[in-house]
Amino acid sequence: MCLGIPGQITAISDADKLMAKVNVSGIVREVNIACIVDEEHTVEQCVGDWVLVHVGFAMSRIDEEEALHTLRLLDELGELQQELDAMEASGVRA
């Protein structure tokens, strides 16, 4: 089990509750974005961001190159499918 998995924010689902839809290798999941929003980076500016997701929270923004590199490494280690299966099994979907 990894500490976080990269995903890309595709939409803001509830701006007041700081919830967004994140696509993680084809699985769309709703996550809380409170940790990555501030006065200089508003909720609306988060769409398109690559983030590191852990237990329903976007913990930090990462650049696309780093995200894709991390996804490749997780795939090579056999961790990616395990994380995707865990996301699907959690029943939390967007």
PDB file of N, CA and C in Angstrom:
ATOM      1  N   MET A   1       0.844  -1.174   0.000  1.00  0.00           N
ATOM      2  CA  MET A   1       0.000   0.000   0.000  1.00  0.00           C
ATOM      3  C   MET A   1       0.892   1.241   0.000  1.00  0.00           C
ATOM      4  N   CYS A   2       0.585   2.171  -0.874  1.00  0.00           N
ATOM      5  CA  CYS A   2       1.399   3.381  -0.942  1.00  0.00           C
ATOM      6  C   CYS A   2       0.774   4.487  -0.103  1.00  0.00           C
ATOM      7  N   LEU A   3       1.527   5.540   0.079  1.00  0.00           N
ATOM      8  CA  LEU A   3       1.045   6.651   0.882  1.00  0.00           C
ATOM      9  C   LEU A   3       0.108   7.551   0.115  1.00  0.00           C
ATOM     10  N   GLY A   4       0.222   7.571  -1.187  1.00  0.00           N
ATOM     11  CA  GLY A   4      -0.623   8.419  -2.001  1.00  0.00           C
ATOM     12  C   GLY A   4      -0.492   8.026  -3.450  1.00  0.00           C
ATOM     13  N   ILE A   5      -1.487   8.385  -4.226  1.00  0.00           N
ATOM     14  CA  ILE A   5      -1.470   8.043  -5.642  1.00  0.00           C
ATOM     15  C   ILE A   5      -1.841   9.291  -6.439  1.00  0.00           C
ATOM     16  N   PRO A   6      -1.136   9.543  -7.538  1.00  0.00           N
ATOM     17  CA  PRO A   6      -1.437  10.733  -8.332  1.00  0.00           C
ATOM     18  C   PRO A   6      -2.760  10.626  -9.089  1.00  0.00           C
ATOM     19  N   GLY A   7      -3.443  11.745  -9.179  1.00  0.00           N
ATOM     20  CA  GLY A   7      -4.666  11.843  -9.959  1.00  0.00           C
ATOM     21  C   GLY A   7      -4.832  13.274 -10.427  1.00  0.00           C
ATOM     22  N   GLN A   8      -5.721  13.469 -11.405  1.00  0.00           N
ATOM     23  CA  GLN A   8      -5.945  14.807 -11.951  1.00  0.00           C
ATOM     24  C   GLN A   8      -7.367  15.257 -11.640  1.00  0.00           C
ATOM     25  N   ILE A   9      -7.500  16.462 -11.122  1.00  0.00           N
ATOM     26  CA  ILE A   9      -8.817  17.027 -10.820  1.00  0.00           C
ATOM     27  C   ILE A   9      -9.519  17.355 -12.126  1.00  0.00           C
ATOM     28  N   THR A  10     -10.722  16.793 -12.293  1.00  0.00           N
ATOM     29  CA  THR A  10     -11.470  16.999 -13.539  1.00  0.00           C
ATOM     30  C   THR A  10     -12.640  17.955 -13.366  1.00  0.00           C
ATOM     31  N   ALA A  11     -13.110  18.120 -12.124  1.00  0.00           N
ATOM     32  CA  ALA A  11     -14.250  19.013 -11.889  1.00  0.00           C
ATOM     33  C   ALA A  11     -14.364  19.306 -10.398  1.00  0.00           C
ATOM     34  N   ILE A  12     -14.997  20.414 -10.100  1.00  0.00           N
ATOM     35  CA  ILE A  12     -15.335  20.745  -8.711  1.00  0.00           C
ATOM     36  C   ILE A  12     -16.768  20.277  -8.512  1.00  0.00           C
ATOM     37  N   SER A  13     -16.963  19.357  -7.591  1.00  0.00           N
ATOM     38  CA  SER A  13     -18.312  18.813  -7.376  1.00  0.00           C
ATOM     39  C   SER A  13     -19.099  19.597  -6.327  1.00  0.00           C
ATOM     40  N   ASP A  14     -18.432  20.198  -5.349  1.00  0.00           N
ATOM     41  CA  ASP A  14     -19.094  21.009  -4.332  1.00  0.00           C
ATOM     42  C   ASP A  14     -18.078  22.016  -3.796  1.00  0.00           C
ATOM     43  N   ALA A  15     -18.123  23.218  -4.337  1.00  0.00           N
ATOM     44  CA  ALA A  15     -17.136  24.246  -3.967  1.00  0.00           C
ATOM     45  C   ALA A  15     -17.224  24.615  -2.490  1.00  0.00           C
ATOM     46  N   ASP A  16     -18.438  24.663  -1.931  1.00  0.00           N
ATOM     47  CA  ASP A  16     -18.590  25.042  -0.522  1.00  0.00           C
ATOM     48  C   ASP A  16     -17.959  24.021   0.420  1.00  0.00           C
ATOM     49  N   LYS A  17     -18.034  22.739   0.055  1.00  0.00           N
ATOM     50  CA  LYS A  17     -17.458  21.675   0.890  1.00  0.00           C
ATOM     51  C   LYS A  17     -16.053  21.277   0.433  1.00  0.00           C
ATOM     52  N   LEU A  18     -15.527  22.008  -0.564  1.00  0.00           N
ATOM     53  CA  LEU A  18     -14.174  21.764  -1.094  1.00  0.00           C
ATOM     54  C   LEU A  18     -14.013  20.335  -1.606  1.00  0.00           C
ATOM     55  N   MET A  19     -15.000  19.884  -2.370  1.00  0.00           N
ATOM     56  CA  MET A  19     -14.960  18.536  -2.939  1.00  0.00           C
ATOM     57  C   MET A  19     -14.768  18.624  -4.452  1.00  0.00           C
ATOM     58  N   ALA A  20     -13.938  17.708  -4.961  1.00  0.00           N
ATOM     59  CA  ALA A  20     -13.649  17.695  -6.388  1.00  0.00           C
ATOM     60  C   ALA A  20     -13.624  16.263  -6.895  1.00  0.00           C
ATOM     61  N   LYS A  21     -13.818  16.110  -8.207  1.00  0.00           N
ATOM     62  CA  LYS A  21     -13.695  14.808  -8.847  1.00  0.00           C
ATOM     63  C   LYS A  21     -12.264  14.671  -9.353  1.00  0.00           C
ATOM     64  N   VAL A  22     -11.646  13.542  -9.016  1.00  0.00           N
ATOM     65  CA  VAL A  22     -10.263  13.282  -9.414  1.00  0.00           C
ATOM     66  C   VAL A  22     -10.216  11.984 -10.208  1.00  0.00           C
ATOM     67  N   ASN A  23      -9.548  12.047 -11.347  1.00  0.00           N
ATOM     68  CA  ASN A  23      -9.368  10.869 -12.194  1.00  0.00           C
ATOM     69  C   ASN A  23      -8.018  10.244 -11.874  1.00  0.00           C
ATOM     70  N   VAL A  24      -8.072   9.012 -11.378  1.00  0.00           N
ATOM     71  CA  VAL A  24      -6.845   8.260 -11.080  1.00  0.00           C
ATOM     72  C   VAL A  24      -6.816   7.060 -12.017  1.00  0.00           C
ATOM     73  N   SER A  25      -6.061   7.188 -13.074  1.00  0.00           N
ATOM     74  CA  SER A  25      -5.922   6.111 -14.071  1.00  0.00           C
ATOM     75  C   SER A  25      -7.267   5.547 -14.510  1.00  0.00           C
ATOM     76  N   GLY A  26      -8.209   6.427 -14.774  1.00  0.00           N
ATOM     77  CA  GLY A  26      -9.504   6.015 -15.294  1.00  0.00           C
ATOM     78  C   GLY A  26     -10.588   5.827 -14.248  1.00  0.00           C
ATOM     79  N   ILE A  27     -10.202   5.814 -12.990  1.00  0.00           N
ATOM     80  CA  ILE A  27     -11.199   5.719 -11.917  1.00  0.00           C
ATOM     81  C   ILE A  27     -11.430   7.120 -11.370  1.00  0.00           C
ATOM     82  N   VAL A  28     -12.691   7.576 -11.418  1.00  0.00           N
ATOM     83  CA  VAL A  28     -13.021   8.907 -10.934  1.00  0.00           C
ATOM     84  C   VAL A  28     -13.534   8.786  -9.507  1.00  0.00           C
ATOM     85  N   ARG A  29     -12.934   9.592  -8.659  1.00  0.00           N
ATOM     86  CA  ARG A  29     -13.270   9.527  -7.246  1.00  0.00           C
ATOM     87  C   ARG A  29     -13.440  10.942  -6.711  1.00  0.00           C
ATOM     88  N   GLU A  30     -14.344  11.094  -5.757  1.00  0.00           N
ATOM     89  CA  GLU A  30     -14.550  12.396  -5.151  1.00  0.00           C
ATOM     90  C   GLU A  30     -13.610  12.533  -3.962  1.00  0.00           C
ATOM     91  N   VAL A  31     -12.863  13.634  -3.925  1.00  0.00           N
ATOM     92  CA  VAL A  31     -11.899  13.856  -2.845  1.00  0.00           C
ATOM     93  C   VAL A  31     -12.037  15.271  -2.302  1.00  0.00           C
ATOM     94  N   ASN A  32     -11.588  15.441  -1.086  1.00  0.00           N
ATOM     95  CA  ASN A  32     -11.564  16.748  -0.444  1.00  0.00           C
ATOM     96  C   ASN A  32     -10.289  17.478  -0.864  1.00  0.00           C
ATOM     97  N   ILE A  33     -10.418  18.745  -1.241  1.00  0.00           N
ATOM     98  CA  ILE A  33      -9.261  19.506  -1.727  1.00  0.00           C
ATOM     99  C   ILE A  33      -8.844  20.613  -0.760  1.00  0.00           C
ATOM    100  N   ALA A  34      -9.283  20.548   0.476  1.00  0.00           N
ATOM    101  CA  ALA A  34      -8.981  21.607   1.452  1.00  0.00           C
ATOM    102  C   ALA A  34      -7.485  21.840   1.621  1.00  0.00           C
ATOM    103  N   CYS A  35      -6.682  20.806   1.492  1.00  0.00           N
ATOM    104  CA  CYS A  35      -5.231  20.929   1.712  1.00  0.00           C
ATOM    105  C   CYS A  35      -4.506  21.643   0.580  1.00  0.00           C
ATOM    106  N   ILE A  36      -5.163  21.783  -0.573  1.00  0.00           N
ATOM    107  CA  ILE A  36      -4.446  22.385  -1.706  1.00  0.00           C
ATOM    108  C   ILE A  36      -5.027  23.730  -2.119  1.00  0.00           C
ATOM    109  N   VAL A  37      -6.011  24.220  -1.361  1.00  0.00           N
ATOM    110  CA  VAL A  37      -6.657  25.490  -1.693  1.00  0.00           C
ATOM    111  C   VAL A  37      -6.161  26.563  -0.719  1.00  0.00           C
ATOM    112  N   ASP A  38      -5.865  27.726  -1.275  1.00  0.00           N
ATOM    113  CA  ASP A  38      -5.553  28.880  -0.427  1.00  0.00           C
ATOM    114  C   ASP A  38      -5.923  30.146  -1.201  1.00  0.00           C
ATOM    115  N   GLU A  39      -5.572  31.303  -0.666  1.00  0.00           N
ATOM    116  CA  GLU A  39      -5.952  32.563  -1.312  1.00  0.00           C
ATOM    117  C   GLU A  39      -5.307  32.721  -2.689  1.00  0.00           C
ATOM    118  N   GLU A  40      -4.139  32.149  -2.870  1.00  0.00           N
ATOM    119  CA  GLU A  40      -3.441  32.280  -4.144  1.00  0.00           C
ATOM    120  C   GLU A  40      -3.829  31.199  -5.149  1.00  0.00           C
ATOM    121  N   HIS A  41      -4.459  30.135  -4.680  1.00  0.00           N
ATOM    122  CA  HIS A  41      -4.895  29.050  -5.567  1.00  0.00           C
ATOM    123  C   HIS A  41      -6.307  28.656  -5.134  1.00  0.00           C
ATOM    124  N   THR A  42      -7.289  29.273  -5.797  1.00  0.00           N
ATOM    125  CA  THR A  42      -8.682  29.105  -5.391  1.00  0.00           C
ATOM    126  C   THR A  42      -9.252  27.759  -5.842  1.00  0.00           C
ATOM    127  N   VAL A  43     -10.432  27.448  -5.352  1.00  0.00           N
ATOM    128  CA  VAL A  43     -11.108  26.196  -5.713  1.00  0.00           C
ATOM    129  C   VAL A  43     -11.228  26.070  -7.227  1.00  0.00           C
ATOM    130  N   GLU A  44     -11.673  27.124  -7.862  1.00  0.00           N
ATOM    131  CA  GLU A  44     -11.894  27.086  -9.314  1.00  0.00           C
ATOM    132  C   GLU A  44     -10.594  26.837 -10.091  1.00  0.00           C
ATOM    133  N   GLN A  45      -9.479  27.270  -9.564  1.00  0.00           N
ATOM    134  CA  GLN A  45      -8.190  27.091 -10.232  1.00  0.00           C
ATOM    135  C   GLN A  45      -7.662  25.663 -10.108  1.00  0.00           C
ATOM    136  N   CYS A  46      -8.297  24.834  -9.308  1.00  0.00           N
ATOM    137  CA  CYS A  46      -7.809  23.467  -9.080  1.00  0.00           C
ATOM    138  C   CYS A  46      -8.112  22.511 -10.241  1.00  0.00           C
ATOM    139  N   VAL A  47      -9.113  22.834 -11.052  1.00  0.00           N
ATOM    140  CA  VAL A  47      -9.453  21.945 -12.166  1.00  0.00           C
ATOM    141  C   VAL A  47      -8.247  21.840 -13.105  1.00  0.00           C
ATOM    142  N   GLY A  48      -7.836  20.605 -13.369  1.00  0.00           N
ATOM    143  CA  GLY A  48      -6.675  20.346 -14.212  1.00  0.00           C
ATOM    144  C   GLY A  48      -5.419  20.067 -13.406  1.00  0.00           C
ATOM    145  N   ASP A  49      -5.435  20.391 -12.113  1.00  0.00           N
ATOM    146  CA  ASP A  49      -4.267  20.134 -11.268  1.00  0.00           C
ATOM    147  C   ASP A  49      -4.036  18.636 -11.108  1.00  0.00           C
ATOM    148  N   TRP A  50      -2.772  18.255 -11.045  1.00  0.00           N
ATOM    149  CA  TRP A  50      -2.398  16.905 -10.642  1.00  0.00           C
ATOM    150  C   TRP A  50      -2.155  16.953  -9.149  1.00  0.00           C
ATOM    151  N   VAL A  51      -2.711  15.984  -8.429  1.00  0.00           N
ATOM    152  CA  VAL A  51      -2.605  15.975  -6.974  1.00  0.00           C
ATOM    153  C   VAL A  51      -2.225  14.581  -6.486  1.00  0.00           C
ATOM    154  N   LEU A  52      -1.715  14.550  -5.267  1.00  0.00           N
ATOM    155  CA  LEU A  52      -1.410  13.282  -4.619  1.00  0.00           C
ATOM    156  C   LEU A  52      -2.575  12.968  -3.689  1.00  0.00           C
ATOM    157  N   VAL A  53      -3.283  11.852  -3.937  1.00  0.00           N
ATOM    158  CA  VAL A  53      -4.495  11.502  -3.203  1.00  0.00           C
ATOM    159  C   VAL A  53      -4.205  10.414  -2.178  1.00  0.00           C
ATOM    160  N   HIS A  54      -4.698  10.638  -0.973  1.00  0.00           N
ATOM    161  CA  HIS A  54      -4.585   9.624   0.082  1.00  0.00           C
ATOM    162  C   HIS A  54      -5.849   9.680   0.931  1.00  0.00           C
ATOM    163  N   VAL A  55      -6.472   8.557   1.136  1.00  0.00           N
ATOM    164  CA  VAL A  55      -7.693   8.366   1.934  1.00  0.00           C
ATOM    165  C   VAL A  55      -8.721   9.491   1.772  1.00  0.00           C
ATOM    166  N   GLY A  56      -8.999   9.821   0.520  1.00  0.00           N
ATOM    167  CA  GLY A  56     -10.066  10.774   0.244  1.00  0.00           C
ATOM    168  C   GLY A  56      -9.662  12.235   0.281  1.00  0.00           C
ATOM    169  N   PHE A  57      -8.376  12.501   0.431  1.00  0.00           N
ATOM    170  CA  PHE A  57      -7.894  13.883   0.463  1.00  0.00           C
ATOM    171  C   PHE A  57      -6.825  14.091  -0.601  1.00  0.00           C
ATOM    172  N   ALA A  58      -6.871  15.238  -1.261  1.00  0.00           N
ATOM    173  CA  ALA A  58      -5.766  15.662  -2.123  1.00  0.00           C
ATOM    174  C   ALA A  58      -4.765  16.326  -1.188  1.00  0.00           C
ATOM    175  N   MET A  59      -3.625  15.657  -0.974  1.00  0.00           N
ATOM    176  CA  MET A  59      -2.671  16.132   0.029  1.00  0.00           C
ATOM    177  C   MET A  59      -1.789  17.254  -0.494  1.00  0.00           C
ATOM    178  N   SER A  60      -1.437  17.207  -1.786  1.00  0.00           N
ATOM    179  CA  SER A  60      -0.572  18.239  -2.347  1.00  0.00           C
ATOM    180  C   SER A  60      -0.704  18.237  -3.857  1.00  0.00           C
ATOM    181  N   ARG A  61      -0.359  19.376  -4.453  1.00  0.00           N
ATOM    182  CA  ARG A  61      -0.303  19.465  -5.912  1.00  0.00           C
ATOM    183  C   ARG A  61       1.064  18.988  -6.362  1.00  0.00           C
ATOM    184  N   ILE A  62       1.101  18.284  -7.480  1.00  0.00           N
ATOM    185  CA  ILE A  62       2.365  17.852  -8.067  1.00  0.00           C
ATOM    186  C   ILE A  62       2.308  18.159  -9.551  1.00  0.00           C
ATOM    187  N   ASP A  63       3.479  18.263 -10.175  1.00  0.00           N
ATOM    188  CA  ASP A  63       3.438  18.557 -11.607  1.00  0.00           C
ATOM    189  C   ASP A  63       3.129  17.279 -12.389  1.00  0.00           C
ATOM    190  N   GLU A  64       2.655  17.475 -13.614  1.00  0.00           N
ATOM    191  CA  GLU A  64       2.206  16.361 -14.441  1.00  0.00           C
ATOM    192  C   GLU A  64       3.317  15.344 -14.676  1.00  0.00           C
ATOM    193  N   GLU A  65       4.521  15.819 -14.932  1.00  0.00           N
ATOM    194  CA  GLU A  65       5.637  14.905 -15.196  1.00  0.00           C
ATOM    195  C   GLU A  65       5.891  13.996 -13.996  1.00  0.00           C
ATOM    196  N   GLU A  66       5.895  14.586 -12.820  1.00  0.00           N
ATOM    197  CA  GLU A  66       6.100  13.804 -11.597  1.00  0.00           C
ATOM    198  C   GLU A  66       4.956  12.805 -11.403  1.00  0.00           C
ATOM    199  N   ALA A  67       3.726  13.241 -11.679  1.00  0.00           N
ATOM    200  CA  ALA A  67       2.566  12.364 -11.519  1.00  0.00           C
ATOM    201  C   ALA A  67       2.651  11.151 -12.446  1.00  0.00           C
ATOM    202  N   LEU A  68       2.958  11.415 -13.708  1.00  0.00           N
ATOM    203  CA  LEU A  68       3.023  10.311 -14.673  1.00  0.00           C
ATOM    204  C   LEU A  68       4.186   9.376 -14.363  1.00  0.00           C
ATOM    205  N   HIS A  69       5.303   9.938 -13.933  1.00  0.00           N
ATOM    206  CA  HIS A  69       6.456   9.117 -13.547  1.00  0.00           C
ATOM    207  C   HIS A  69       6.086   8.222 -12.350  1.00  0.00           C
ATOM    208  N   THR A  70       5.409   8.787 -11.370  1.00  0.00           N
ATOM    209  CA  THR A  70       5.013   8.015 -10.183  1.00  0.00           C
ATOM    210  C   THR A  70       4.032   6.909 -10.555  1.00  0.00           C
ATOM    211  N   LEU A  71       3.073   7.211 -11.451  1.00  0.00           N
ATOM    212  CA  LEU A  71       2.114   6.188 -11.880  1.00  0.00           C
ATOM    213  C   LEU A  71       2.827   5.037 -12.589  1.00  0.00           C
ATOM    214  N   ARG A  72       3.819   5.382 -13.430  1.00  0.00           N
ATOM    215  CA  ARG A  72       4.597   4.328 -14.119  1.00  0.00           C
ATOM    216  C   ARG A  72       5.341   3.454 -13.117  1.00  0.00           C
ATOM    217  N   LEU A  73       5.973   4.090 -12.132  1.00  0.00           N
ATOM    218  CA  LEU A  73       6.711   3.319 -11.119  1.00  0.00           C
ATOM    219  C   LEU A  73       5.779   2.419 -10.315  1.00  0.00           C
ATOM    220  N   LEU A  74       4.635   2.942  -9.917  1.00  0.00           N
ATOM    221  CA  LEU A  74       3.673   2.133  -9.163  1.00  0.00           C
ATOM    222  C   LEU A  74       3.197   0.946  -9.992  1.00  0.00           C
ATOM    223  N   ASP A  75       3.007   1.200 -11.297  1.00  0.00           N
ATOM    224  CA  ASP A  75       2.592   0.125 -12.193  1.00  0.00           C
ATOM    225  C   ASP A  75       3.682  -0.945 -12.280  1.00  0.00           C
ATOM    226  N   GLU A  76       4.929  -0.515 -12.425  1.00  0.00           N
ATOM    227  CA  GLU A  76       6.037  -1.466 -12.518  1.00  0.00           C
ATOM    228  C   GLU A  76       6.195  -2.278 -11.232  1.00  0.00           C
ATOM    229  N   LEU A  77       5.907  -1.660 -10.110  1.00  0.00           N
ATOM    230  CA  LEU A  77       6.022  -2.348  -8.829  1.00  0.00           C
ATOM    231  C   LEU A  77       4.793  -3.207  -8.508  1.00  0.00           C
ATOM    232  N   GLY A  78       3.783  -3.108  -9.360  1.00  0.00           N
ATOM    233  CA  GLY A  78       2.570  -3.875  -9.118  1.00  0.00           C
ATOM    234  C   GLY A  78       1.654  -3.246  -8.094  1.00  0.00           C
ATOM    235  N   GLU A  79       1.956  -2.001  -7.718  1.00  0.00           N
ATOM    236  CA  GLU A  79       1.161  -1.311  -6.699  1.00  0.00           C
ATOM    237  C   GLU A  79      -0.040  -0.583  -7.286  1.00  0.00           C
ATOM    238  N   LEU A  80       0.064  -0.169  -8.569  1.00  0.00           N
ATOM    239  CA  LEU A  80      -0.995   0.650  -9.154  1.00  0.00           C
ATOM    240  C   LEU A  80      -2.320  -0.091  -9.181  1.00  0.00           C
ATOM    241  N   GLN A  81      -2.339  -1.296  -9.703  1.00  0.00           N
ATOM    242  CA  GLN A  81      -3.596  -2.028  -9.796  1.00  0.00           C
ATOM    243  C   GLN A  81      -4.173  -2.309  -8.421  1.00  0.00           C
ATOM    244  N   GLN A  82      -3.304  -2.577  -7.466  1.00  0.00           N
ATOM    245  CA  GLN A  82      -3.751  -2.820  -6.092  1.00  0.00           C
ATOM    246  C   GLN A  82      -4.456  -1.576  -5.520  1.00  0.00           C
ATOM    247  N   GLU A  83      -3.882  -0.399  -5.774  1.00  0.00           N
ATOM    248  CA  GLU A  83      -4.495   0.837  -5.289  1.00  0.00           C
ATOM    249  C   GLU A  83      -5.811   1.112  -6.013  1.00  0.00           C
ATOM    250  N   LEU A  84      -5.843   0.865  -7.330  1.00  0.00           N
ATOM    251  CA  LEU A  84      -7.077   1.096  -8.089  1.00  0.00           C
ATOM    252  C   LEU A  84      -8.173   0.143  -7.628  1.00  0.00           C
ATOM    253  N   ASP A  85      -7.809  -1.106  -7.364  1.00  0.00           N
ATOM    254  CA  ASP A  85      -8.786  -2.072  -6.854  1.00  0.00           C
ATOM    255  C   ASP A  85      -9.330  -1.625  -5.503  1.00  0.00           C
ATOM    256  N   ALA A  86      -8.444  -1.100  -4.650  1.00  0.00           N
ATOM    257  CA  ALA A  86      -8.873  -0.622  -3.330  1.00  0.00           C
ATOM    258  C   ALA A  86      -9.821   0.563  -3.463  1.00  0.00           C
ATOM    259  N   MET A  87      -9.554   1.446  -4.438  1.00  0.00           N
ATOM    260  CA  MET A  87     -10.444   2.592  -4.662  1.00  0.00           C
ATOM    261  C   MET A  87     -11.819   2.126  -5.109  1.00  0.00           C
ATOM    262  N   GLU A  88     -11.832   1.179  -6.040  1.00  0.00           N
ATOM    263  CA  GLU A  88     -13.123   0.675  -6.525  1.00  0.00           C
ATOM    264  C   GLU A  88     -13.878  -0.037  -5.414  1.00  0.00           C
ATOM    265  N   ALA A  89     -13.175  -0.774  -4.577  1.00  0.00           N
ATOM    266  CA  ALA A  89     -13.813  -1.530  -3.500  1.00  0.00           C
ATOM    267  C   ALA A  89     -14.319  -0.630  -2.378  1.00  0.00           C
ATOM    268  N   SER A  90     -13.745   0.582  -2.274  1.00  0.00           N
ATOM    269  CA  SER A  90     -14.135   1.469  -1.169  1.00  0.00           C
ATOM    270  C   SER A  90     -15.578   1.949  -1.300  1.00  0.00           C
ATOM    271  N   GLY A  91     -16.097   1.893  -2.510  1.00  0.00           N
ATOM    272  CA  GLY A  91     -17.482   2.309  -2.707  1.00  0.00           C
ATOM    273  C   GLY A  91     -17.650   3.805  -2.768  1.00  0.00           C
ATOM    274  N   VAL A  92     -16.561   4.559  -2.631  1.00  0.00           N
ATOM    275  CA  VAL A  92     -16.629   6.003  -2.719  1.00  0.00           C
ATOM    276  C   VAL A  92     -16.326   6.385  -4.144  1.00  0.00           C
ATOM    277  N   ARG A  93     -17.324   6.805  -4.829  1.00  0.00           N
ATOM    278  CA  ARG A  93     -17.152   7.185  -6.230  1.00  0.00           C
ATOM    279  C   ARG A  93     -17.789   8.523  -6.494  1.00  0.00           C
ATOM    280  N   ALA A  94     -17.319   9.121  -7.532  1.00  0.00           N
ATOM    281  CA  ALA A  94     -17.883  10.416  -7.921  1.00  0.00           C
ATOM    282  C   ALA A  94     -19.137  10.207  -8.724  1.00  0.00           C
TER     283      ALA A  94
END
